[in-house]
Amino acid sequence: MNKPFLSRFWRNLAVLSCAVWLTACATGPKVRTDQAPDANLTNYQTFGFMSELATDRAGYTSLVTQHLKAAVTAEMTARGYRYSEQDPQLLINFNSNVEQRADIRTTTTTAVPYYGYYHYRRGYYSPFPYYQQEVETVRYKVGTVNIDVVDAARKQLVWEGIAEGVLNKQDIEQPRESMANVVNQIFEQYPVARRL
């Protein structure tokens, strides 16, 4: 085998390993939640949305807001809450962010040395491989969704859910389904169980 072939082989193996790692990360977002110690979320019956949501820009409702509103409404309704536009007991706000990240990965690979000659009558052969390092830069997108549940009367945050994960091609091409899936995974840790 020649050196260029082995070099390409190890480089491709490193890229494949990175792709598998990213795919493993993309299987689901990392979700974390927090709750106010004195909050009993079963005591509330109604919910609504903040008048100015963090996902809106320039005075109009964005598509991200529409997707998140639909997904959150489905989750809250399934837990027995009623939507109220006039005087909700809980107000919900959310934020969404996508950022580009890059990882630099260094992989040590082995290569078979060339045959060579010190002298026209004496050749040499080294049975030992030598090591080289392959450096790959992997770029990917990370999405974050943050959901705040606020006690409207006290103007106090009572529950928060955050999901962060690597976005795959399907997430980007089907944002409505992706948002619904992420909201569902966040609400799996909500202290009030689904009734429907």
N, C-alpha and C. Protein backbone atom coordinates (compact mmCIF):
# COMPACT_ATOMS: atom_id res chain seq x y z
N MET A 1 0.84 -1.19 0.00
CA MET A 1 0.00 0.00 0.00
C MET A 1 0.87 1.24 0.00
N ASN A 2 0.43 2.26 -0.72
CA ASN A 2 1.26 3.45 -0.75
C ASN A 2 0.80 4.46 0.30
N LYS A 3 1.67 5.41 0.59
CA LYS A 3 1.40 6.39 1.64
C LYS A 3 0.18 7.26 1.35
N PRO A 4 -0.01 7.78 0.11
CA PRO A 4 -1.20 8.61 -0.13
C PRO A 4 -2.50 7.85 0.14
N PHE A 5 -2.54 6.56 -0.21
CA PHE A 5 -3.75 5.79 0.04
C PHE A 5 -4.03 5.69 1.53
N LEU A 6 -2.98 5.36 2.33
CA LEU A 6 -3.16 5.24 3.77
C LEU A 6 -3.53 6.56 4.41
N SER A 7 -2.91 7.63 3.94
CA SER A 7 -3.23 8.94 4.48
C SER A 7 -4.70 9.29 4.25
N ARG A 8 -5.18 9.02 3.01
CA ARG A 8 -6.60 9.27 2.71
C ARG A 8 -7.50 8.37 3.56
N PHE A 9 -7.08 7.12 3.73
CA PHE A 9 -7.87 6.16 4.51
C PHE A 9 -8.06 6.66 5.94
N TRP A 10 -6.95 7.07 6.59
CA TRP A 10 -7.04 7.52 7.97
C TRP A 10 -7.79 8.84 8.09
N ARG A 11 -7.61 9.72 7.12
CA ARG A 11 -8.34 10.98 7.14
C ARG A 11 -9.84 10.72 7.03
N ASN A 12 -10.23 9.84 6.09
CA ASN A 12 -11.64 9.51 5.92
C ASN A 12 -12.21 8.84 7.16
N LEU A 13 -11.40 8.00 7.80
CA LEU A 13 -11.85 7.35 9.03
C LEU A 13 -12.09 8.38 10.13
N ALA A 14 -11.22 9.38 10.23
CA ALA A 14 -11.39 10.44 11.24
C ALA A 14 -12.65 11.25 10.97
N VAL A 15 -12.89 11.58 9.69
CA VAL A 15 -14.09 12.34 9.34
C VAL A 15 -15.35 11.51 9.65
N LEU A 16 -15.31 10.21 9.31
CA LEU A 16 -16.45 9.33 9.59
C LEU A 16 -16.71 9.24 11.08
N SER A 17 -15.64 9.16 11.88
CA SER A 17 -15.80 9.10 13.33
C SER A 17 -16.47 10.36 13.86
N CYS A 18 -16.07 11.52 13.34
CA CYS A 18 -16.68 12.78 13.75
C CYS A 18 -18.15 12.82 13.37
N ALA A 19 -18.47 12.35 12.17
CA ALA A 19 -19.85 12.33 11.72
C ALA A 19 -20.70 11.43 12.60
N VAL A 20 -20.16 10.26 12.97
CA VAL A 20 -20.89 9.35 13.85
C VAL A 20 -21.10 10.00 15.21
N TRP A 21 -20.07 10.70 15.71
CA TRP A 21 -20.19 11.37 17.00
C TRP A 21 -21.28 12.43 16.95
N LEU A 22 -21.31 13.22 15.89
CA LEU A 22 -22.34 14.26 15.77
C LEU A 22 -23.72 13.65 15.63
N THR A 23 -23.83 12.56 14.90
CA THR A 23 -25.12 11.89 14.76
C THR A 23 -25.60 11.39 16.11
N ALA A 24 -24.69 10.87 16.90
CA ALA A 24 -25.07 10.40 18.23
C ALA A 24 -25.57 11.54 19.09
N CYS A 25 -24.93 12.72 18.96
CA CYS A 25 -25.38 13.88 19.72
C CYS A 25 -26.74 14.36 19.23
N ALA A 26 -27.01 14.17 17.94
CA ALA A 26 -28.24 14.69 17.37
C ALA A 26 -29.44 13.81 17.67
N THR A 27 -29.25 12.69 18.39
CA THR A 27 -30.39 11.82 18.68
C THR A 27 -31.38 12.48 19.63
N GLY A 28 -30.97 13.45 20.36
CA GLY A 28 -31.89 14.15 21.26
C GLY A 28 -31.17 15.28 21.96
N PRO A 29 -31.91 16.35 22.25
CA PRO A 29 -31.26 17.47 22.93
C PRO A 29 -31.03 17.17 24.41
N LYS A 30 -30.13 17.91 24.98
CA LYS A 30 -29.91 17.85 26.43
C LYS A 30 -30.92 18.80 27.06
N VAL A 31 -31.74 18.28 27.96
CA VAL A 31 -32.80 19.08 28.58
C VAL A 31 -32.50 19.25 30.05
N ARG A 32 -32.64 20.48 30.52
CA ARG A 32 -32.53 20.74 31.95
C ARG A 32 -33.66 21.67 32.37
N THR A 33 -34.12 21.50 33.58
CA THR A 33 -35.24 22.32 34.08
C THR A 33 -34.93 22.81 35.48
N ASP A 34 -35.69 23.81 35.89
CA ASP A 34 -35.57 24.34 37.26
C ASP A 34 -36.95 24.84 37.67
N GLN A 35 -37.22 24.78 38.96
CA GLN A 35 -38.52 25.18 39.48
C GLN A 35 -38.34 25.99 40.75
N ALA A 36 -39.18 27.01 40.93
CA ALA A 36 -39.16 27.79 42.16
C ALA A 36 -39.56 26.87 43.32
N PRO A 37 -38.84 26.92 44.44
CA PRO A 37 -39.11 25.97 45.53
C PRO A 37 -40.51 26.06 46.11
N ASP A 38 -41.13 27.23 46.06
CA ASP A 38 -42.47 27.40 46.65
C ASP A 38 -43.60 27.26 45.62
N ALA A 39 -43.27 26.86 44.39
CA ALA A 39 -44.29 26.81 43.33
C ALA A 39 -44.95 25.44 43.29
N ASN A 40 -46.28 25.44 43.30
CA ASN A 40 -47.06 24.22 43.09
C ASN A 40 -47.86 24.42 41.81
N LEU A 41 -47.38 23.87 40.72
CA LEU A 41 -47.97 24.14 39.41
C LEU A 41 -49.33 23.46 39.20
N THR A 42 -49.74 22.61 40.13
CA THR A 42 -51.09 22.03 40.04
C THR A 42 -52.16 23.01 40.52
N ASN A 43 -51.75 24.10 41.17
CA ASN A 43 -52.71 25.08 41.69
C ASN A 43 -53.21 26.05 40.62
N TYR A 44 -52.62 26.02 39.43
CA TYR A 44 -52.99 26.95 38.37
C TYR A 44 -53.93 26.26 37.39
N GLN A 45 -54.86 27.04 36.85
CA GLN A 45 -55.80 26.47 35.87
C GLN A 45 -55.66 27.05 34.46
N THR A 46 -55.17 28.28 34.35
CA THR A 46 -55.15 28.95 33.04
C THR A 46 -53.74 29.41 32.68
N PHE A 47 -53.53 29.56 31.38
CA PHE A 47 -52.24 30.05 30.90
C PHE A 47 -52.46 30.95 29.69
N GLY A 48 -51.47 31.77 29.44
CA GLY A 48 -51.45 32.63 28.25
C GLY A 48 -50.00 32.90 27.89
N PHE A 49 -49.81 33.81 26.97
CA PHE A 49 -48.45 34.13 26.52
C PHE A 49 -48.13 35.59 26.82
N MET A 50 -46.87 35.86 27.04
CA MET A 50 -46.42 37.25 27.25
C MET A 50 -46.80 38.09 26.05
N SER A 51 -47.07 39.35 26.28
CA SER A 51 -47.47 40.22 25.17
C SER A 51 -46.31 40.45 24.20
N GLU A 52 -45.10 40.48 24.71
CA GLU A 52 -43.92 40.60 23.86
C GLU A 52 -43.03 39.38 24.09
N LEU A 53 -43.08 38.47 23.16
CA LEU A 53 -42.30 37.24 23.28
C LEU A 53 -40.88 37.46 22.75
N ALA A 54 -39.93 36.77 23.35
CA ALA A 54 -38.52 36.95 22.99
C ALA A 54 -38.21 36.51 21.57
N THR A 55 -39.07 35.68 20.97
CA THR A 55 -38.82 35.21 19.61
C THR A 55 -39.38 36.14 18.54
N ASP A 56 -40.07 37.21 18.96
CA ASP A 56 -40.62 38.16 17.99
C ASP A 56 -39.64 39.29 17.73
N ARG A 57 -39.65 39.77 16.50
CA ARG A 57 -38.76 40.85 16.10
C ARG A 57 -39.56 41.89 15.30
N ALA A 58 -39.18 43.13 15.45
CA ALA A 58 -39.70 44.23 14.63
C ALA A 58 -41.22 44.36 14.67
N GLY A 59 -41.83 43.96 15.78
CA GLY A 59 -43.26 44.21 15.96
C GLY A 59 -44.20 43.23 15.27
N TYR A 60 -43.70 42.11 14.78
CA TYR A 60 -44.60 41.11 14.20
C TYR A 60 -44.27 39.73 14.75
N THR A 61 -45.24 38.82 14.63
CA THR A 61 -45.08 37.46 15.14
C THR A 61 -44.30 36.63 14.14
N SER A 62 -43.18 36.10 14.56
CA SER A 62 -42.33 35.31 13.67
C SER A 62 -42.89 33.90 13.50
N LEU A 63 -42.39 33.18 12.52
CA LEU A 63 -42.78 31.78 12.32
C LEU A 63 -42.33 30.92 13.49
N VAL A 64 -41.17 31.21 14.04
CA VAL A 64 -40.69 30.48 15.21
C VAL A 64 -41.68 30.63 16.36
N THR A 65 -42.17 31.85 16.57
CA THR A 65 -43.16 32.10 17.62
C THR A 65 -44.42 31.29 17.36
N GLN A 66 -44.89 31.28 16.12
CA GLN A 66 -46.10 30.53 15.81
C GLN A 66 -45.92 29.04 16.08
N HIS A 67 -44.77 28.48 15.69
CA HIS A 67 -44.50 27.06 15.93
C HIS A 67 -44.43 26.76 17.43
N LEU A 68 -43.72 27.61 18.17
CA LEU A 68 -43.59 27.39 19.61
C LEU A 68 -44.92 27.56 20.34
N LYS A 69 -45.71 28.55 19.95
CA LYS A 69 -47.03 28.75 20.57
C LYS A 69 -47.91 27.52 20.39
N ALA A 70 -47.94 26.99 19.18
CA ALA A 70 -48.78 25.81 18.90
C ALA A 70 -48.31 24.61 19.73
N ALA A 71 -47.00 24.41 19.81
CA ALA A 71 -46.46 23.26 20.55
C ALA A 71 -46.70 23.40 22.05
N VAL A 72 -46.46 24.61 22.60
CA VAL A 72 -46.67 24.83 24.03
C VAL A 72 -48.15 24.73 24.38
N THR A 73 -49.02 25.27 23.54
CA THR A 73 -50.47 25.18 23.79
C THR A 73 -50.91 23.72 23.85
N ALA A 74 -50.40 22.89 22.95
CA ALA A 74 -50.74 21.46 22.95
C ALA A 74 -50.28 20.80 24.25
N GLU A 75 -49.08 21.13 24.71
CA GLU A 75 -48.55 20.51 25.93
C GLU A 75 -49.30 20.98 27.17
N MET A 76 -49.60 22.27 27.26
CA MET A 76 -50.31 22.80 28.43
C MET A 76 -51.75 22.28 28.47
N THR A 77 -52.42 22.24 27.32
CA THR A 77 -53.79 21.74 27.25
C THR A 77 -53.85 20.27 27.64
N ALA A 78 -52.86 19.50 27.22
CA ALA A 78 -52.81 18.08 27.57
C ALA A 78 -52.64 17.86 29.07
N ARG A 79 -52.18 18.88 29.79
CA ARG A 79 -52.00 18.79 31.23
C ARG A 79 -53.16 19.41 31.99
N GLY A 80 -54.24 19.75 31.31
CA GLY A 80 -55.45 20.24 31.97
C GLY A 80 -55.55 21.75 32.11
N TYR A 81 -54.60 22.50 31.59
CA TYR A 81 -54.68 23.96 31.65
C TYR A 81 -55.58 24.47 30.52
N ARG A 82 -56.24 25.61 30.77
CA ARG A 82 -57.06 26.25 29.75
C ARG A 82 -56.36 27.51 29.28
N TYR A 83 -56.41 27.74 27.97
CA TYR A 83 -55.84 28.97 27.43
C TYR A 83 -56.76 30.13 27.74
N SER A 84 -56.22 31.23 28.25
CA SER A 84 -57.00 32.43 28.56
C SER A 84 -56.22 33.65 28.07
N GLU A 85 -56.86 34.40 27.20
CA GLU A 85 -56.19 35.60 26.68
C GLU A 85 -56.37 36.79 27.62
N GLN A 86 -57.46 36.78 28.40
CA GLN A 86 -57.79 37.94 29.23
C GLN A 86 -57.01 38.00 30.54
N ASP A 87 -57.12 36.95 31.35
CA ASP A 87 -56.53 37.01 32.69
C ASP A 87 -55.89 35.66 33.06
N PRO A 88 -54.82 35.26 32.38
CA PRO A 88 -54.21 33.96 32.67
C PRO A 88 -53.44 33.98 33.99
N GLN A 89 -53.45 32.84 34.67
CA GLN A 89 -52.68 32.73 35.91
C GLN A 89 -51.20 32.49 35.63
N LEU A 90 -50.92 31.81 34.54
CA LEU A 90 -49.53 31.57 34.13
C LEU A 90 -49.27 32.27 32.80
N LEU A 91 -48.14 32.93 32.71
CA LEU A 91 -47.71 33.54 31.45
C LEU A 91 -46.48 32.80 30.95
N ILE A 92 -46.46 32.53 29.65
CA ILE A 92 -45.36 31.77 29.08
C ILE A 92 -44.57 32.64 28.11
N ASN A 93 -43.26 32.57 28.26
CA ASN A 93 -42.35 33.23 27.34
C ASN A 93 -41.37 32.17 26.84
N PHE A 94 -40.83 32.36 25.65
CA PHE A 94 -39.83 31.44 25.15
C PHE A 94 -38.83 32.16 24.29
N ASN A 95 -37.71 31.51 24.12
CA ASN A 95 -36.67 32.05 23.26
C ASN A 95 -36.05 30.90 22.49
N SER A 96 -35.52 31.21 21.32
CA SER A 96 -34.89 30.21 20.46
C SER A 96 -33.65 30.82 19.85
N ASN A 97 -32.61 30.01 19.76
CA ASN A 97 -31.35 30.51 19.22
C ASN A 97 -30.63 29.39 18.48
N VAL A 98 -30.03 29.74 17.35
CA VAL A 98 -29.21 28.80 16.60
C VAL A 98 -27.85 29.45 16.40
N GLU A 99 -26.79 28.72 16.76
CA GLU A 99 -25.45 29.26 16.56
C GLU A 99 -24.55 28.23 15.91
N GLN A 100 -23.59 28.75 15.17
CA GLN A 100 -22.61 27.90 14.48
C GLN A 100 -21.46 27.63 15.43
N ARG A 101 -21.07 26.37 15.53
CA ARG A 101 -19.92 26.01 16.36
C ARG A 101 -18.94 25.18 15.55
N ALA A 102 -17.73 25.08 16.06
CA ALA A 102 -16.71 24.29 15.38
C ALA A 102 -15.89 23.55 16.42
N ASP A 103 -15.59 22.30 16.11
CA ASP A 103 -14.70 21.49 16.95
C ASP A 103 -13.48 21.12 16.13
N ILE A 104 -12.34 21.22 16.76
CA ILE A 104 -11.09 20.78 16.11
C ILE A 104 -10.69 19.47 16.76
N ARG A 105 -10.57 18.44 15.93
CA ARG A 105 -10.25 17.11 16.44
C ARG A 105 -8.90 16.65 15.87
N THR A 106 -8.07 16.16 16.75
CA THR A 106 -6.77 15.65 16.35
C THR A 106 -6.76 14.14 16.53
N THR A 107 -6.41 13.44 15.48
CA THR A 107 -6.36 11.98 15.51
C THR A 107 -4.96 11.52 15.15
N THR A 108 -4.41 10.66 15.99
CA THR A 108 -3.09 10.10 15.70
C THR A 108 -3.28 8.86 14.82
N THR A 109 -2.57 8.83 13.70
CA THR A 109 -2.69 7.71 12.77
C THR A 109 -1.31 7.11 12.51
N THR A 110 -1.34 5.88 12.04
CA THR A 110 -0.08 5.22 11.69
C THR A 110 0.05 5.19 10.18
N ALA A 111 1.26 5.18 9.73
CA ALA A 111 1.52 5.11 8.30
C ALA A 111 2.68 4.15 8.07
N VAL A 112 2.63 3.47 6.96
CA VAL A 112 3.71 2.54 6.59
C VAL A 112 4.79 3.36 5.89
N PRO A 113 6.04 3.22 6.32
CA PRO A 113 7.10 4.02 5.70
C PRO A 113 7.44 3.55 4.29
N TYR A 114 8.01 4.44 3.54
CA TYR A 114 8.51 4.10 2.20
C TYR A 114 9.74 3.20 2.30
N TYR A 115 9.95 2.42 1.27
CA TYR A 115 11.25 1.76 1.13
C TYR A 115 12.24 2.84 0.68
N GLY A 116 13.47 2.73 1.12
CA GLY A 116 14.46 3.72 0.70
C GLY A 116 15.85 3.13 0.69
N TYR A 117 16.80 3.87 0.20
CA TYR A 117 18.18 3.38 0.11
C TYR A 117 19.11 4.42 0.68
N TYR A 118 20.02 3.92 1.53
CA TYR A 118 21.10 4.78 2.00
C TYR A 118 22.23 4.80 0.98
N HIS A 119 22.38 3.71 0.29
CA HIS A 119 23.52 3.53 -0.60
C HIS A 119 23.04 2.72 -1.78
N TYR A 120 23.70 2.86 -2.88
CA TYR A 120 23.21 2.12 -4.05
C TYR A 120 23.34 0.61 -3.88
N ARG A 121 24.18 0.14 -2.94
CA ARG A 121 24.29 -1.30 -2.69
C ARG A 121 23.52 -1.74 -1.44
N ARG A 122 23.20 -0.79 -0.55
CA ARG A 122 22.52 -1.18 0.69
C ARG A 122 21.15 -0.53 0.74
N GLY A 123 20.15 -1.33 0.81
CA GLY A 123 18.81 -0.79 0.98
C GLY A 123 18.40 -0.91 2.45
N TYR A 124 17.33 -0.21 2.86
CA TYR A 124 16.84 -0.39 4.23
C TYR A 124 15.33 -0.55 4.19
N TYR A 125 14.84 -1.20 5.20
CA TYR A 125 13.41 -1.38 5.38
C TYR A 125 13.13 -1.27 6.87
N SER A 126 12.20 -0.46 7.24
CA SER A 126 11.83 -0.33 8.65
C SER A 126 10.51 -1.06 8.88
N PRO A 127 10.49 -2.08 9.74
CA PRO A 127 9.24 -2.81 9.99
C PRO A 127 8.30 -2.04 10.91
N PHE A 128 8.74 -0.92 11.47
CA PHE A 128 7.92 -0.18 12.43
C PHE A 128 7.19 0.97 11.73
N PRO A 129 5.90 1.13 12.03
CA PRO A 129 5.18 2.26 11.44
C PRO A 129 5.58 3.56 12.13
N TYR A 130 5.36 4.64 11.46
CA TYR A 130 5.55 5.93 12.12
C TYR A 130 4.18 6.58 12.29
N TYR A 131 4.12 7.54 13.21
CA TYR A 131 2.83 8.14 13.58
C TYR A 131 2.76 9.58 13.09
N GLN A 132 1.56 9.93 12.68
CA GLN A 132 1.32 11.31 12.27
C GLN A 132 -0.03 11.74 12.80
N GLN A 133 -0.25 13.04 12.87
CA GLN A 133 -1.51 13.55 13.40
C GLN A 133 -2.33 14.18 12.29
N GLU A 134 -3.60 13.79 12.26
CA GLU A 134 -4.56 14.37 11.32
C GLU A 134 -5.42 15.36 12.10
N VAL A 135 -5.56 16.57 11.60
CA VAL A 135 -6.37 17.59 12.25
C VAL A 135 -7.58 17.88 11.38
N GLU A 136 -8.77 17.75 11.95
CA GLU A 136 -10.02 18.00 11.22
C GLU A 136 -10.82 19.05 11.96
N THR A 137 -11.42 19.97 11.22
CA THR A 137 -12.33 20.94 11.80
C THR A 137 -13.75 20.56 11.40
N VAL A 138 -14.60 20.33 12.40
CA VAL A 138 -15.99 19.94 12.17
C VAL A 138 -16.89 21.11 12.56
N ARG A 139 -17.67 21.59 11.59
CA ARG A 139 -18.59 22.69 11.86
C ARG A 139 -20.00 22.13 11.95
N TYR A 140 -20.76 22.67 12.90
CA TYR A 140 -22.14 22.20 13.09
C TYR A 140 -22.97 23.31 13.75
N LYS A 141 -24.28 23.13 13.70
CA LYS A 141 -25.19 24.12 14.29
C LYS A 141 -25.80 23.56 15.56
N VAL A 142 -25.87 24.41 16.59
CA VAL A 142 -26.47 24.03 17.86
C VAL A 142 -27.70 24.91 18.09
N GLY A 143 -28.82 24.26 18.38
CA GLY A 143 -30.06 24.99 18.65
C GLY A 143 -30.39 24.94 20.13
N THR A 144 -30.91 26.06 20.63
CA THR A 144 -31.34 26.16 22.03
C THR A 144 -32.77 26.69 22.07
N VAL A 145 -33.61 26.04 22.86
CA VAL A 145 -34.98 26.51 23.10
C VAL A 145 -35.14 26.66 24.60
N ASN A 146 -35.64 27.82 25.01
CA ASN A 146 -35.83 28.14 26.42
C ASN A 146 -37.30 28.48 26.64
N ILE A 147 -37.95 27.83 27.61
CA ILE A 147 -39.36 28.09 27.93
C ILE A 147 -39.45 28.55 29.38
N ASP A 148 -40.04 29.73 29.60
CA ASP A 148 -40.26 30.26 30.95
C ASP A 148 -41.74 30.24 31.27
N VAL A 149 -42.09 29.77 32.47
CA VAL A 149 -43.47 29.80 32.96
C VAL A 149 -43.48 30.73 34.16
N VAL A 150 -44.29 31.79 34.06
CA VAL A 150 -44.28 32.88 35.04
C VAL A 150 -45.62 32.98 35.76
N ASP A 151 -45.59 33.16 37.07
CA ASP A 151 -46.80 33.46 37.84
C ASP A 151 -47.19 34.89 37.50
N ALA A 152 -48.34 35.06 36.84
CA ALA A 152 -48.75 36.38 36.33
C ALA A 152 -49.01 37.36 37.46
N ALA A 153 -49.64 36.91 38.55
CA ALA A 153 -49.98 37.81 39.65
C ALA A 153 -48.73 38.29 40.38
N ARG A 154 -47.81 37.39 40.63
CA ARG A 154 -46.60 37.74 41.38
C ARG A 154 -45.47 38.22 40.48
N LYS A 155 -45.64 38.05 39.15
CA LYS A 155 -44.58 38.40 38.20
C LYS A 155 -43.26 37.70 38.59
N GLN A 156 -43.36 36.38 38.77
CA GLN A 156 -42.22 35.60 39.24
C GLN A 156 -42.11 34.31 38.41
N LEU A 157 -40.88 34.03 38.00
CA LEU A 157 -40.63 32.79 37.27
C LEU A 157 -40.84 31.60 38.20
N VAL A 158 -41.70 30.65 37.78
CA VAL A 158 -41.97 29.48 38.62
C VAL A 158 -41.40 28.19 38.04
N TRP A 159 -41.16 28.16 36.73
CA TRP A 159 -40.58 26.96 36.10
C TRP A 159 -39.87 27.37 34.82
N GLU A 160 -38.77 26.68 34.54
CA GLU A 160 -38.00 26.96 33.34
C GLU A 160 -37.50 25.66 32.75
N GLY A 161 -37.60 25.52 31.43
CA GLY A 161 -37.07 24.37 30.73
C GLY A 161 -36.18 24.81 29.59
N ILE A 162 -35.02 24.18 29.46
CA ILE A 162 -34.06 24.54 28.41
C ILE A 162 -33.62 23.27 27.69
N ALA A 163 -33.63 23.32 26.38
CA ALA A 163 -33.12 22.19 25.57
C ALA A 163 -32.04 22.72 24.64
N GLU A 164 -30.95 21.96 24.56
CA GLU A 164 -29.86 22.33 23.65
C GLU A 164 -29.37 21.07 22.95
N GLY A 165 -29.20 21.17 21.64
CA GLY A 165 -28.73 20.01 20.90
C GLY A 165 -28.22 20.37 19.52
N VAL A 166 -27.47 19.44 18.94
CA VAL A 166 -26.95 19.61 17.60
C VAL A 166 -28.08 19.44 16.60
N LEU A 167 -28.18 20.37 15.66
CA LEU A 167 -29.23 20.31 14.65
C LEU A 167 -28.78 19.48 13.46
N ASN A 168 -29.65 18.59 13.02
CA ASN A 168 -29.36 17.85 11.80
C ASN A 168 -30.12 18.46 10.63
N LYS A 169 -29.96 17.91 9.46
CA LYS A 169 -30.58 18.47 8.26
C LYS A 169 -32.10 18.49 8.36
N GLN A 170 -32.67 17.43 8.93
CA GLN A 170 -34.12 17.35 9.05
C GLN A 170 -34.66 18.44 9.98
N ASP A 171 -33.93 18.73 11.08
CA ASP A 171 -34.35 19.79 12.00
C ASP A 171 -34.46 21.13 11.28
N ILE A 172 -33.51 21.39 10.41
CA ILE A 172 -33.47 22.68 9.71
C ILE A 172 -34.53 22.74 8.62
N GLU A 173 -34.77 21.61 7.94
CA GLU A 173 -35.73 21.61 6.83
C GLU A 173 -37.18 21.50 7.30
N GLN A 174 -37.41 20.98 8.52
CA GLN A 174 -38.77 20.83 9.05
C GLN A 174 -38.86 21.49 10.43
N PRO A 175 -38.83 22.83 10.47
CA PRO A 175 -38.76 23.51 11.77
C PRO A 175 -40.01 23.30 12.64
N ARG A 176 -41.19 23.21 12.05
CA ARG A 176 -42.41 23.05 12.86
C ARG A 176 -42.37 21.73 13.63
N GLU A 177 -42.05 20.64 12.92
CA GLU A 177 -41.98 19.34 13.57
C GLU A 177 -40.84 19.29 14.59
N SER A 178 -39.74 19.93 14.26
CA SER A 178 -38.59 19.95 15.18
C SER A 178 -38.93 20.70 16.46
N MET A 179 -39.60 21.85 16.32
CA MET A 179 -40.00 22.64 17.50
C MET A 179 -40.96 21.84 18.37
N ALA A 180 -41.94 21.18 17.74
CA ALA A 180 -42.92 20.39 18.50
C ALA A 180 -42.21 19.27 19.26
N ASN A 181 -41.24 18.64 18.62
CA ASN A 181 -40.50 17.55 19.26
C ASN A 181 -39.69 18.05 20.44
N VAL A 182 -39.02 19.19 20.28
CA VAL A 182 -38.20 19.74 21.37
C VAL A 182 -39.08 20.18 22.53
N VAL A 183 -40.19 20.85 22.24
CA VAL A 183 -41.10 21.29 23.30
C VAL A 183 -41.64 20.08 24.06
N ASN A 184 -41.98 19.02 23.34
CA ASN A 184 -42.45 17.79 23.98
C ASN A 184 -41.40 17.22 24.92
N GLN A 185 -40.14 17.22 24.50
CA GLN A 185 -39.08 16.69 25.35
C GLN A 185 -38.84 17.56 26.58
N ILE A 186 -38.99 18.87 26.43
CA ILE A 186 -38.87 19.77 27.58
C ILE A 186 -39.99 19.50 28.57
N PHE A 187 -41.22 19.39 28.06
CA PHE A 187 -42.38 19.22 28.94
C PHE A 187 -42.45 17.82 29.55
N GLU A 188 -41.66 16.88 29.08
CA GLU A 188 -41.59 15.59 29.75
C GLU A 188 -41.08 15.73 31.18
N GLN A 189 -40.38 16.85 31.45
CA GLN A 189 -39.87 17.10 32.80
C GLN A 189 -40.72 18.12 33.56
N TYR A 190 -41.86 18.50 33.00
CA TYR A 190 -42.77 19.43 33.67
C TYR A 190 -43.42 18.70 34.85
N PRO A 191 -43.57 19.37 36.00
CA PRO A 191 -44.06 18.66 37.20
C PRO A 191 -45.52 18.22 37.16
N VAL A 192 -46.31 18.70 36.20
CA VAL A 192 -47.70 18.27 36.08
C VAL A 192 -47.79 17.29 34.91
N ALA A 193 -48.30 16.09 35.18
CA ALA A 193 -48.36 15.04 34.17
C ALA A 193 -49.47 15.32 33.14
N ARG A 194 -49.33 14.75 31.96
CA ARG A 194 -50.34 14.84 30.91
C ARG A 194 -51.61 14.11 31.37
N ARG A 195 -52.76 14.69 31.04
CA ARG A 195 -54.04 14.04 31.35
C ARG A 195 -54.69 13.48 30.10
N LEU A 196 -54.34 14.06 28.94
CA LEU A 196 -54.95 13.62 27.69
C LEU A 196 -54.00 12.72 26.91
